[in-house]
């Protein structure tokens, strides 16, 4: 890289600088010099009145496939994100075989993506050959590993199967994965036990990687699920990260303080655990995860659809669901966000209650029919969380900020209507909402701590030595923003709005955002563990 810039008169802000006004020289992709004043050495950028921070590291993403479809990564870089960490919740893009591959291909073929890789090495090669405006880091997914060895079978793994999974995990770590993720509410990861997870996590500990987990329950079984997570961390010695820490469902809101107390005690014992959280009160995931018991997923998608088509099995599903969810308001809090892109979009933006009322049917039946019609490809938002709990969690110093969203593009204003399906506003607005609402307006933490949660904390969790800080020699991933104006503008009805106040973004020393607009540059790199 031969791009030189002098950023003049910015207020520097990270875990070592707190609004110190200085000039910063960017040369050959890195921060070459920081000084009170410098003579012109390259192109000048007047940053008077702006704050200069390290580029934001989105610690919890799902961009494994969308990165190939949307290389400009507009939803990320226009929000100040310079590094995207994907492969979370057990769903990495490697290894890809059998049912796991079939599900991913069915999801992404309508977007024009042909999956032509299987192994970690093949994925990394494909990623490095593809343009990107954002840096990308990957985790290996336990769900993908289990699917490759055991398929979608609801049973414990044998010793030979666990050894095969461990070999695949080692292959991913050697290729550059930063650790292992699990998604214990999703098939086939939901069929695993502590011994299986701890055995894999030991390999991650040996490589000084991180184990992240979408724990087995975020609602009724939250505390038990956290204890299970801590058991895996203790047994393996791995660094652990709780994904999107929350207490879901009004009846479970009092458990948030208990969950925080559990993590505080573990940290006081010297257990290396952290967490991440998005600053919103609704989650987003697959509808079948909400409506179906784990046994209904066994055998893969075709078996799942067959169960949905069988009247007796549907009655069993309904009976189990009603026993677990007696609150009828549940259906009013579930909103259809996206369905199969080639099928009717009629339900998008409506609650399950509204869909049922429209057809004069039980909302559960309406949801099960929707899953059949769209071959299980139904995404929903679930308004289930407490603002009080969110503020409690965001004040915890070990909680990094992650969007829990894949990268997306900005809709073409000349196209007929918006894209099919609704994104979660967190896809576009996470940094702006955290900094504008919770740091500036509510003062839950000060500016220096707020920036740390978006930069050096996630860098430390991953083990990124030269990113996430403003230091001479560090990679020049940088964001210039207006502290008075930064704010989230995305909504659930219109999520395609990037934050206000983000003015300039550099990735590896090259401007990807200038005066709030994408430059078209794609200087992002694929980061590999030990080489990042």
Protein backbone atom coordinates (compact mmCIF):
# COMPACT_ATOMS: atom_id res chain seq x y z
CA UNK A 1 0.00 0.00 0.00
CA UNK A 2 1.31 3.46 -0.89
CA UNK A 3 -1.56 5.55 0.44
CA UNK A 4 -0.37 8.35 2.77
CA UNK A 5 -2.69 10.62 4.73
CA UNK A 6 -2.25 13.21 7.44
CA UNK A 7 -5.34 13.43 9.62
CA UNK A 8 -5.22 16.87 11.23
CA UNK A 9 -6.64 18.17 14.48
CA UNK A 10 -8.80 15.23 15.54
CA UNK A 11 -9.67 14.36 19.14
CA UNK A 12 -8.08 10.96 19.70
CA UNK A 13 -10.13 8.45 21.65
CA UNK A 14 -9.29 4.89 22.63
CA UNK A 15 -8.17 3.03 25.75
CA UNK A 16 -4.95 5.07 25.95
CA UNK A 17 -6.12 8.43 24.55
CA UNK A 18 -9.06 10.38 25.95
CA UNK A 19 -9.88 13.28 23.63
CA UNK A 20 -6.28 14.35 23.09
CA UNK A 21 -6.05 16.61 20.05
CA UNK A 22 -3.32 15.49 17.64
CA UNK A 23 -2.31 14.86 14.06
CA UNK A 24 -2.02 11.29 12.77
CA UNK A 25 0.10 10.17 9.84
CA UNK A 26 -1.18 7.11 7.95
CA UNK A 27 1.40 5.44 5.72
CA UNK A 28 1.56 2.04 4.04
CA UNK A 29 -1.57 0.83 5.74
CA UNK A 30 -0.50 1.63 9.30
CA UNK A 31 -0.45 4.46 11.80
CA UNK A 32 3.05 5.81 11.16
CA UNK A 33 3.12 8.69 13.63
CA UNK A 34 1.01 10.50 16.23
CA UNK A 35 2.10 14.03 17.22
CA UNK A 36 0.59 17.34 18.36
CA UNK A 37 1.41 18.85 14.96
CA UNK A 38 3.02 17.57 11.78
CA UNK A 39 4.09 19.15 8.53
CA UNK A 40 2.22 17.95 5.43
CA UNK A 41 3.57 14.62 4.21
CA UNK A 42 0.74 13.33 2.05
CA UNK A 43 -2.90 14.06 1.50
CA UNK A 44 -4.40 16.15 4.30
CA UNK A 45 -7.74 15.46 5.97
CA UNK A 46 -9.07 18.27 8.15
CA UNK A 47 -10.61 16.52 11.16
CA UNK A 48 -11.24 19.57 13.34
CA UNK A 49 -14.30 18.96 15.51
CA UNK A 50 -14.25 15.21 14.87
CA UNK A 51 -13.24 12.31 17.07
CA UNK A 52 -10.74 9.78 15.77
CA UNK A 53 -11.08 6.24 17.14
CA UNK A 54 -9.87 2.82 16.07
CA UNK A 55 -12.19 1.20 13.57
CA UNK A 56 -14.97 -0.72 15.30
CA UNK A 57 -14.59 -4.49 15.58
CA UNK A 58 -17.99 -6.20 15.32
CA UNK A 59 -17.33 -9.21 17.55
CA UNK A 60 -20.50 -11.16 16.68
CA UNK A 61 -21.48 -11.36 13.00
CA UNK A 62 -23.01 -13.73 10.47
CA UNK A 63 -21.34 -12.58 7.24
CA UNK A 64 -19.86 -15.95 6.22
CA UNK A 65 -21.74 -16.00 2.91
CA UNK A 66 -23.06 -12.47 2.49
CA UNK A 67 -19.48 -11.18 2.27
CA UNK A 68 -19.26 -12.74 -1.20
CA UNK A 69 -22.59 -11.23 -2.28
CA UNK A 70 -22.05 -7.72 -0.87
CA UNK A 71 -18.29 -7.03 -1.08
CA UNK A 72 -18.72 -3.29 -0.35
CA UNK A 73 -20.02 -4.22 3.12
CA UNK A 74 -21.99 -0.98 3.28
CA UNK A 75 -23.99 -1.82 6.40
CA UNK A 76 -20.71 -2.28 8.27
CA UNK A 77 -18.30 0.36 7.02
CA UNK A 78 -20.89 3.15 6.86
CA UNK A 79 -21.42 2.44 10.57
CA UNK A 80 -17.68 2.61 11.33
CA UNK A 81 -17.04 -1.14 11.44
CA UNK A 82 -13.68 -2.13 9.97
CA UNK A 83 -13.47 -5.77 11.13
CA UNK A 84 -16.29 -8.34 10.96
CA UNK A 85 -16.06 -11.53 13.08
CA UNK A 86 -18.22 -14.31 11.63
CA UNK A 87 -18.80 -18.03 12.04
CA UNK A 88 -20.75 -17.48 15.26
CA UNK A 89 -23.50 -19.61 16.81
CA UNK A 90 -21.98 -22.84 15.51
CA UNK A 91 -22.67 -21.93 11.87
CA UNK A 92 -19.29 -21.51 10.20
CA UNK A 93 -18.91 -21.81 6.40
CA UNK A 94 -16.64 -24.84 6.84
CA UNK A 95 -16.65 -27.76 6.76
CA UNK A 96 -19.62 -27.89 4.40
CA UNK A 97 -21.00 -31.33 3.54
CA UNK A 98 -24.34 -33.09 3.41
CA UNK A 99 -27.39 -31.50 5.00
CA UNK A 100 -25.47 -28.51 6.35
CA UNK A 101 -24.22 -27.69 2.85
CA UNK A 102 -27.67 -28.23 1.33
CA UNK A 103 -29.25 -25.77 3.77
CA UNK A 104 -26.66 -23.09 3.07
CA UNK A 105 -26.89 -23.54 -0.68
CA UNK A 106 -30.69 -23.34 -0.61
CA UNK A 107 -30.41 -20.12 1.37
CA UNK A 108 -27.82 -18.42 -0.84
CA UNK A 109 -28.51 -19.73 -4.36
CA UNK A 110 -31.36 -17.18 -4.81
CA UNK A 111 -28.75 -14.46 -4.15
CA UNK A 112 -26.50 -15.78 -6.90
CA UNK A 113 -23.89 -17.39 -4.64
CA UNK A 114 -22.62 -20.80 -5.69
CA UNK A 115 -20.86 -22.58 -2.83
CA UNK A 116 -17.79 -24.10 -4.45
CA UNK A 117 -15.78 -24.91 -1.33
CA UNK A 118 -15.98 -27.40 1.51
CA UNK A 119 -12.85 -27.23 3.66
CA UNK A 120 -11.49 -24.33 5.73
CA UNK A 121 -8.50 -23.93 3.42
CA UNK A 122 -10.79 -23.72 0.38
CA UNK A 123 -12.98 -21.11 2.09
CA UNK A 124 -10.04 -18.95 3.12
CA UNK A 125 -8.62 -19.13 -0.41
CA UNK A 126 -11.98 -18.07 -1.86
CA UNK A 127 -12.28 -15.23 0.65
CA UNK A 128 -8.78 -13.93 -0.01
CA UNK A 129 -9.45 -13.89 -3.75
CA UNK A 130 -12.68 -11.90 -3.24
CA UNK A 131 -12.85 -8.11 -2.79
CA UNK A 132 -14.01 -6.74 0.55
CA UNK A 133 -14.33 -3.28 2.06
CA UNK A 134 -14.05 -4.72 5.58
CA UNK A 135 -11.55 -6.99 7.30
CA UNK A 136 -12.91 -10.43 8.08
CA UNK A 137 -12.12 -12.88 10.87
CA UNK A 138 -13.68 -16.35 11.15
CA UNK A 139 -14.56 -18.89 13.83
CA UNK A 140 -15.04 -22.60 13.28
CA UNK A 141 -18.60 -23.69 14.03
CA UNK A 142 -19.41 -26.66 16.21
CA UNK A 143 -22.69 -27.16 14.34
CA UNK A 144 -20.83 -27.47 11.04
CA UNK A 145 -18.35 -29.92 12.58
CA UNK A 146 -21.08 -32.11 14.06
CA UNK A 147 -23.11 -32.04 10.86
CA UNK A 148 -20.06 -33.19 8.88
CA UNK A 149 -19.42 -36.16 11.17
CA UNK A 150 -22.78 -37.14 12.69
CA UNK A 151 -25.33 -35.40 10.51
CA UNK A 152 -28.57 -34.29 12.17
CA UNK A 153 -28.77 -37.24 14.56
CA UNK A 154 -30.06 -36.68 18.10
CA UNK A 155 -27.59 -38.84 20.01
CA UNK A 156 -24.27 -38.62 21.85
CA UNK A 157 -21.15 -38.83 19.73
CA UNK A 158 -18.80 -41.80 19.88
CA UNK A 159 -15.13 -41.46 20.73
CA UNK A 160 -14.23 -41.94 17.06
CA UNK A 161 -16.70 -39.24 16.02
CA UNK A 162 -15.34 -36.80 18.59
CA UNK A 163 -11.82 -37.48 17.33
CA UNK A 164 -12.95 -36.84 13.76
CA UNK A 165 -14.53 -33.54 14.82
CA UNK A 166 -11.33 -32.60 16.65
CA UNK A 167 -9.27 -33.24 13.51
CA UNK A 168 -11.60 -31.00 11.49
CA UNK A 169 -11.37 -28.32 14.16
CA UNK A 170 -7.57 -28.50 14.13
CA UNK A 171 -7.69 -28.09 10.35
CA UNK A 172 -9.80 -24.94 10.73
CA UNK A 173 -7.51 -23.49 13.41
CA UNK A 174 -4.45 -24.19 11.26
CA UNK A 175 -6.16 -22.46 8.32
CA UNK A 176 -6.60 -19.32 10.44
CA UNK A 177 -9.83 -19.61 12.44
CA UNK A 178 -9.70 -17.67 15.71
CA UNK A 179 -11.56 -20.27 17.72
CA UNK A 180 -14.74 -22.30 18.01
CA UNK A 181 -18.38 -21.23 18.25
CA UNK A 182 -21.41 -23.20 19.32
CA UNK A 183 -25.12 -22.63 18.81
CA UNK A 184 -26.84 -24.87 21.33
CA UNK A 185 -30.41 -23.97 20.36
CA UNK A 186 -29.82 -24.86 16.71
CA UNK A 187 -29.64 -28.29 15.08
CA UNK A 188 -27.43 -30.22 15.08
CA UNK A 189 -25.45 -28.40 17.80
CA UNK A 190 -28.38 -28.74 20.21
CA UNK A 191 -27.73 -32.49 20.41
CA UNK A 192 -24.26 -32.09 21.95
CA UNK A 193 -23.33 -32.54 25.62
CA UNK A 194 -20.71 -30.90 27.83
CA UNK A 195 -18.13 -33.64 27.24
CA UNK A 196 -18.31 -33.21 23.47
CA UNK A 197 -18.01 -29.42 23.71
CA UNK A 198 -15.23 -29.47 26.30
CA UNK A 199 -13.21 -31.94 24.25
CA UNK A 200 -13.29 -29.61 21.27
CA UNK A 201 -12.67 -26.55 23.42
CA UNK A 202 -9.43 -28.09 24.73
CA UNK A 203 -8.07 -27.93 21.19
CA UNK A 204 -9.02 -24.27 21.04
CA UNK A 205 -7.30 -23.63 24.38
CA UNK A 206 -4.15 -25.31 23.08
CA UNK A 207 -4.18 -22.86 20.16
CA UNK A 208 -4.92 -19.89 22.46
CA UNK A 209 -8.20 -19.33 20.67
CA UNK A 210 -11.62 -18.31 21.96
CA UNK A 211 -14.79 -20.39 22.50
CA UNK A 212 -18.00 -18.43 21.87
CA UNK A 213 -21.41 -19.86 22.62
CA UNK A 214 -25.02 -19.11 21.87
CA UNK A 215 -25.95 -20.94 25.05
CA UNK A 216 -28.66 -23.59 25.27
CA UNK A 217 -31.31 -21.28 26.69
CA UNK A 218 -31.68 -17.53 27.05
CA UNK A 219 -35.08 -17.83 28.71
CA UNK A 220 -36.46 -20.34 31.20
CA UNK A 221 -33.18 -22.26 31.38
CA UNK A 222 -30.84 -19.24 31.24
CA UNK A 223 -28.99 -19.87 34.50
CA UNK A 224 -28.58 -23.58 33.85
CA UNK A 225 -27.32 -22.82 30.34
CA UNK A 226 -24.75 -20.38 31.73
CA UNK A 227 -23.59 -23.01 34.22
CA UNK A 228 -23.18 -25.44 31.31
CA UNK A 229 -21.13 -22.86 29.41
CA UNK A 230 -18.92 -22.26 32.45
CA UNK A 231 -18.49 -26.02 32.88
CA UNK A 232 -17.12 -26.22 29.33
CA UNK A 233 -14.76 -23.32 29.98
CA UNK A 234 -13.54 -24.73 33.29
CA UNK A 235 -13.03 -28.24 31.93
CA UNK A 236 -11.09 -27.07 28.88
CA UNK A 237 -9.23 -24.01 30.13
CA UNK A 238 -10.38 -22.07 27.08
CA UNK A 239 -11.20 -18.37 26.96
CA UNK A 240 -15.00 -18.17 26.82
CA UNK A 241 -17.39 -15.65 25.31
CA UNK A 242 -21.16 -15.67 25.93
CA UNK A 243 -22.92 -14.64 22.75
CA UNK A 244 -25.56 -11.85 22.96
CA UNK A 245 -26.06 -12.08 26.73
CA UNK A 246 -29.73 -11.59 27.55
CA UNK A 247 -32.75 -12.74 29.57
CA UNK A 248 -35.53 -13.49 27.09
CA UNK A 249 -39.19 -13.32 28.04
CA UNK A 250 -40.80 -11.15 30.70
CA UNK A 251 -40.98 -14.00 33.24
CA UNK A 252 -37.21 -14.40 32.93
CA UNK A 253 -36.18 -10.74 33.20
CA UNK A 254 -35.28 -11.08 36.92
CA UNK A 255 -32.66 -13.67 35.91
CA UNK A 256 -30.48 -11.10 34.15
CA UNK A 257 -28.98 -9.87 37.42
CA UNK A 258 -28.34 -13.48 38.46
CA UNK A 259 -26.67 -14.19 35.13
CA UNK A 260 -24.42 -11.17 35.54
CA UNK A 261 -23.58 -12.30 39.08
CA UNK A 262 -22.61 -15.75 37.75
CA UNK A 263 -20.21 -14.24 35.24
CA UNK A 264 -18.76 -11.84 37.80
CA UNK A 265 -18.06 -14.73 40.18
CA UNK A 266 -16.43 -16.76 37.43
CA UNK A 267 -14.18 -13.86 36.51
CA UNK A 268 -13.31 -13.31 40.17
CA UNK A 269 -12.21 -16.97 40.27
CA UNK A 270 -9.84 -16.25 37.39
CA UNK A 271 -12.00 -17.89 34.72
CA UNK A 272 -11.43 -16.04 31.46
CA UNK A 273 -14.97 -15.23 30.36
CA UNK A 274 -16.50 -12.29 28.55
CA UNK A 275 -19.73 -11.60 26.66
CA UNK A 276 -21.18 -9.55 23.83
CA UNK A 277 -24.48 -7.77 23.37
CA UNK A 278 -26.38 -5.71 20.79
CA UNK A 279 -28.17 -2.56 22.04
CA UNK A 280 -31.71 -3.56 21.00
CA UNK A 281 -34.63 -5.29 22.71
CA UNK A 282 -35.67 -7.73 19.97
CA UNK A 283 -33.77 -10.79 18.79
CA UNK A 284 -33.84 -12.25 15.29
CA UNK A 285 -33.57 -15.88 14.26
CA UNK A 286 -35.34 -18.71 12.43
CA UNK A 287 -39.03 -19.22 13.13
CA UNK A 288 -38.68 -22.99 13.44
CA UNK A 289 -36.31 -22.54 16.39
CA UNK A 290 -39.15 -20.79 18.25
CA UNK A 291 -41.96 -23.16 17.31
CA UNK A 292 -40.41 -26.63 17.09
CA UNK A 293 -38.90 -28.90 19.74
CA UNK A 294 -35.39 -30.26 19.15
CA UNK A 295 -36.62 -33.70 18.13
CA UNK A 296 -38.46 -32.17 15.17
CA UNK A 297 -35.15 -31.21 13.50
CA UNK A 298 -33.58 -34.68 13.63
CA UNK A 299 -32.70 -36.03 10.19
CA UNK A 300 -32.50 -32.65 8.45
CA UNK A 301 -34.82 -30.33 6.56
CA UNK A 302 -36.76 -32.95 4.59
CA UNK A 303 -37.55 -34.84 7.79
CA UNK A 304 -38.56 -31.58 9.45
CA UNK A 305 -40.92 -30.73 6.57
CA UNK A 306 -42.40 -34.23 6.66
CA UNK A 307 -43.21 -33.78 10.34
CA UNK A 308 -44.86 -30.46 9.60
CA UNK A 309 -47.01 -32.18 6.98
CA UNK A 310 -48.13 -35.00 9.28
CA UNK A 311 -51.30 -34.18 11.23
CA UNK A 312 -50.49 -36.35 14.25
CA UNK A 313 -46.96 -34.99 14.54
CA UNK A 314 -48.25 -31.42 14.24
CA UNK A 315 -50.64 -32.07 17.12
CA UNK A 316 -47.70 -33.30 19.21
CA UNK A 317 -45.67 -30.21 18.27
CA UNK A 318 -48.60 -27.96 19.17
CA UNK A 319 -49.18 -29.70 22.52
CA UNK A 320 -45.50 -29.35 23.49
CA UNK A 321 -45.40 -25.74 22.36
CA UNK A 322 -48.53 -24.78 24.31
CA UNK A 323 -47.18 -26.43 27.45
CA UNK A 324 -43.95 -24.40 27.16
CA UNK A 325 -45.57 -21.12 26.05
CA UNK A 326 -48.91 -20.57 27.77
CA UNK A 327 -48.68 -16.81 27.23
CA UNK A 328 -50.83 -15.90 24.21
CA UNK A 329 -49.00 -12.57 23.90
CA UNK A 330 -46.04 -14.54 22.53
CA UNK A 331 -47.59 -14.47 19.05
CA UNK A 332 -47.97 -10.68 19.14
CA UNK A 333 -44.24 -10.29 19.82
CA UNK A 334 -43.10 -12.46 16.89
CA UNK A 335 -42.87 -10.51 13.61
CA UNK A 336 -42.05 -12.08 10.26
CA UNK A 337 -38.88 -10.42 8.97
CA UNK A 338 -37.95 -12.49 5.92
CA UNK A 339 -39.19 -15.51 4.01
CA UNK A 340 -38.01 -17.49 1.01
CA UNK A 341 -37.12 -14.81 -1.56
CA UNK A 342 -38.85 -16.66 -4.42
CA UNK A 343 -42.15 -17.21 -2.59
CA UNK A 344 -45.00 -14.90 -1.59
CA UNK A 345 -43.85 -12.03 0.62
CA UNK A 346 -47.32 -11.55 2.07
CA UNK A 347 -46.43 -12.23 5.69
CA UNK A 348 -43.38 -9.98 5.93
CA UNK A 349 -43.79 -7.27 8.55
CA UNK A 350 -46.79 -8.95 10.21
CA UNK A 351 -46.95 -10.64 13.59
CA UNK A 352 -47.94 -14.28 13.92
CA UNK A 353 -51.06 -13.06 15.74
CA UNK A 354 -51.99 -10.84 12.77
CA UNK A 355 -51.39 -13.67 10.28
CA UNK A 356 -53.64 -15.97 12.28
CA UNK A 357 -56.37 -13.36 12.67
CA UNK A 358 -56.25 -12.60 8.94
CA UNK A 359 -56.95 -16.22 8.09
CA UNK A 360 -59.26 -16.88 11.03
CA UNK A 361 -56.79 -19.47 12.34
CA UNK A 362 -54.74 -20.26 15.39
CA UNK A 363 -51.48 -18.24 15.11
CA UNK A 364 -49.41 -21.35 15.87
CA UNK A 365 -50.99 -23.17 12.92
CA UNK A 366 -50.37 -20.10 10.76
CA UNK A 367 -46.71 -20.20 11.74
CA UNK A 368 -46.34 -23.91 11.06
CA UNK A 369 -47.98 -23.47 7.65
CA UNK A 370 -45.60 -20.61 6.89
CA UNK A 371 -42.65 -22.89 7.63
CA UNK A 372 -44.02 -25.49 5.21
CA UNK A 373 -44.77 -22.96 2.46
CA UNK A 374 -41.27 -21.46 2.65
CA UNK A 375 -39.41 -24.74 3.28
CA UNK A 376 -38.39 -23.52 6.77
CA UNK A 377 -36.71 -20.37 5.38
CA UNK A 378 -38.53 -17.92 7.68
CA UNK A 379 -36.72 -15.34 9.82
CA UNK A 380 -38.47 -13.48 12.63
CA UNK A 381 -37.83 -10.79 15.20
CA UNK A 382 -38.90 -11.44 18.78
CA UNK A 383 -39.54 -8.50 21.10
CA UNK A 384 -38.61 -10.22 24.34
CA UNK A 385 -36.09 -8.15 26.31
CA UNK A 386 -36.05 -5.51 29.02
CA UNK A 387 -34.51 -2.05 28.69
CA UNK A 388 -33.48 -2.17 32.35
CA UNK A 389 -31.62 -5.44 31.76
CA UNK A 390 -30.00 -4.10 28.61
CA UNK A 391 -28.58 -1.17 30.56
CA UNK A 392 -27.37 -3.49 33.32
CA UNK A 393 -25.54 -5.70 30.81
CA UNK A 394 -24.04 -2.78 28.90
CA UNK A 395 -22.43 -1.44 32.08
CA UNK A 396 -20.48 -4.68 32.61
CA UNK A 397 -16.83 -4.02 31.62
CA UNK A 398 -16.34 -7.43 29.94
CA UNK A 399 -19.26 -6.96 27.52
CA UNK A 400 -18.20 -6.11 23.95
CA UNK A 401 -20.66 -4.69 21.42
CA UNK A 402 -21.67 -6.96 18.55
CA UNK A 403 -24.45 -6.61 16.01
CA UNK A 404 -25.35 -10.31 15.65
CA UNK A 405 -25.91 -9.55 11.98
CA UNK A 406 -24.42 -10.31 8.61
CA UNK A 407 -23.16 -7.53 6.38
CA UNK A 408 -25.64 -6.08 3.92
CA UNK A 409 -25.79 -3.56 1.12
CA UNK A 410 -27.70 -0.32 0.76
CA UNK A 411 -30.85 -0.73 -1.33
CA UNK A 412 -30.78 0.75 -4.82
CA UNK A 413 -33.08 3.78 -4.78
CA UNK A 414 -33.90 3.19 -8.45
CA UNK A 415 -35.14 -0.37 -7.85
CA UNK A 416 -38.81 -1.23 -7.56
CA UNK A 417 -39.43 -1.15 -3.83
CA UNK A 418 -37.19 -2.17 -0.95
CA UNK A 419 -35.35 -5.51 -0.77
CA UNK A 420 -37.40 -8.59 -0.03
CA UNK A 421 -37.52 -9.11 3.69
CA UNK A 422 -36.68 -6.83 6.59
CA UNK A 423 -33.28 -6.66 8.18
CA UNK A 424 -32.97 -6.13 11.92
CA UNK A 425 -32.00 -2.48 12.56
CA UNK A 426 -28.91 -3.76 14.39
CA UNK A 427 -27.49 -4.72 10.99
CA UNK A 428 -27.05 -1.03 10.16
CA UNK A 429 -27.24 0.85 13.43
CA UNK A 430 -25.43 -0.98 16.24
CA UNK A 431 -22.39 1.31 16.81
CA UNK A 432 -24.43 4.47 16.34
CA UNK A 433 -27.10 3.32 18.79
CA UNK A 434 -24.59 2.26 21.43
CA UNK A 435 -22.51 5.45 21.22
CA UNK A 436 -25.35 7.89 20.64
CA UNK A 437 -27.96 6.54 23.04
CA UNK A 438 -26.12 4.64 25.75
CA UNK A 439 -22.79 6.49 25.89
CA UNK A 440 -23.66 10.12 25.07
CA UNK A 441 -27.33 10.46 25.99
CA UNK A 442 -27.64 8.07 28.95
CA UNK A 443 -23.98 8.16 30.08
CA UNK A 444 -24.00 4.49 31.09
CA UNK A 445 -20.25 4.52 30.46
CA UNK A 446 -17.91 7.35 29.48
CA UNK A 447 -16.64 7.89 25.94
CA UNK A 448 -13.30 6.19 26.54
CA UNK A 449 -14.97 3.07 27.93
CA UNK A 450 -17.59 3.09 25.18
CA UNK A 451 -14.93 3.10 22.48
CA UNK A 452 -13.04 0.33 24.31
CA UNK A 453 -16.13 -1.91 24.07
CA UNK A 454 -16.12 -1.50 20.29
CA UNK A 455 -12.37 -1.71 19.72
CA UNK A 456 -9.66 -2.95 22.08
CA UNK A 457 -11.96 -5.25 24.09
CA UNK A 458 -13.02 -7.31 21.05
CA UNK A 459 -9.43 -7.17 19.76
CA UNK A 460 -8.21 -8.65 23.05
CA UNK A 461 -10.92 -11.33 23.01
CA UNK A 462 -9.78 -12.42 19.55
CA UNK A 463 -6.06 -11.91 20.11
CA UNK A 464 -5.59 -9.13 17.56
CA UNK A 465 -2.42 -7.33 18.65
CA UNK A 466 -2.21 -4.61 15.99
CA UNK A 467 -5.88 -3.61 15.68
CA UNK A 468 -8.36 -1.93 17.98
CA UNK A 469 -5.99 0.78 19.27
CA UNK A 470 -4.55 4.11 18.16
CA UNK A 471 -0.84 3.38 18.33
CA UNK A 472 2.14 3.92 16.09
CA UNK A 473 2.69 0.74 14.11
CA UNK A 474 -0.89 -0.47 14.43
CA UNK A 475 -2.97 -1.12 11.33
CA UNK A 476 -4.75 2.05 10.25
CA UNK A 477 -8.33 0.89 10.75
CA UNK A 478 -9.83 4.22 11.76
CA UNK A 479 -13.18 5.96 12.14
CA UNK A 480 -13.80 9.71 12.35
CA UNK A 481 -17.16 10.67 13.82
CA UNK A 482 -19.04 13.59 15.33
CA UNK A 483 -19.79 12.87 19.01
CA UNK A 484 -22.66 15.36 19.05
CA UNK A 485 -24.39 13.86 16.02
CA UNK A 486 -23.73 10.13 16.12
CA UNK A 487 -27.05 8.28 16.33
CA UNK A 488 -28.83 5.21 15.08
CA UNK A 489 -31.41 5.97 12.38
CA UNK A 490 -32.46 2.41 11.52
CA UNK A 491 -35.90 1.17 12.57
CA UNK A 492 -37.68 -2.19 12.40
CA UNK A 493 -39.91 -0.78 9.64
CA UNK A 494 -37.06 0.91 7.75
CA UNK A 495 -33.81 -0.79 8.76
CA UNK A 496 -31.74 0.34 5.75
CA UNK A 497 -30.48 3.54 7.35
CA UNK A 498 -26.91 3.93 8.51
CA UNK A 499 -25.97 5.96 11.60
CA UNK A 500 -25.70 9.73 11.54
CA UNK A 501 -22.37 11.27 12.42
CA UNK A 502 -19.94 8.76 10.84
CA UNK A 503 -17.82 10.93 8.54
CA UNK A 504 -14.70 9.01 7.46
CA UNK A 505 -13.57 5.39 7.72
CA UNK A 506 -10.17 3.94 6.86
CA UNK A 507 -9.50 0.22 6.42
CA UNK A 508 -5.83 -0.77 6.32
CA UNK A 509 -4.97 2.86 5.66
CA UNK A 510 -7.30 3.36 2.70
CA UNK A 511 -10.47 5.49 2.84
CA UNK A 512 -13.60 3.41 2.36
CA UNK A 513 -15.94 6.14 3.63
CA UNK A 514 -15.34 9.83 2.85
CA UNK A 515 -17.76 12.53 4.00
CA UNK A 516 -20.30 9.83 4.83
CA UNK A 517 -20.25 8.14 1.40
CA UNK A 518 -18.70 4.87 0.32
CA UNK A 519 -15.62 5.41 -1.84
CA UNK A 520 -15.90 2.05 -3.62
CA UNK A 521 -12.56 0.90 -2.20
CA UNK A 522 -12.16 -2.73 -1.11
CA UNK A 523 -8.94 -2.86 0.94
CA UNK A 524 -10.26 -5.33 3.52
CA UNK A 525 -8.21 -8.37 4.38
CA UNK A 526 -8.98 -11.88 5.58
CA UNK A 527 -7.43 -12.04 9.04
CA UNK A 528 -5.92 -15.31 10.22
CA UNK A 529 -5.13 -16.34 13.76
CA UNK A 530 -1.46 -15.73 14.44
CA UNK A 531 -1.04 -13.67 11.28
CA UNK A 532 -3.52 -10.81 11.84
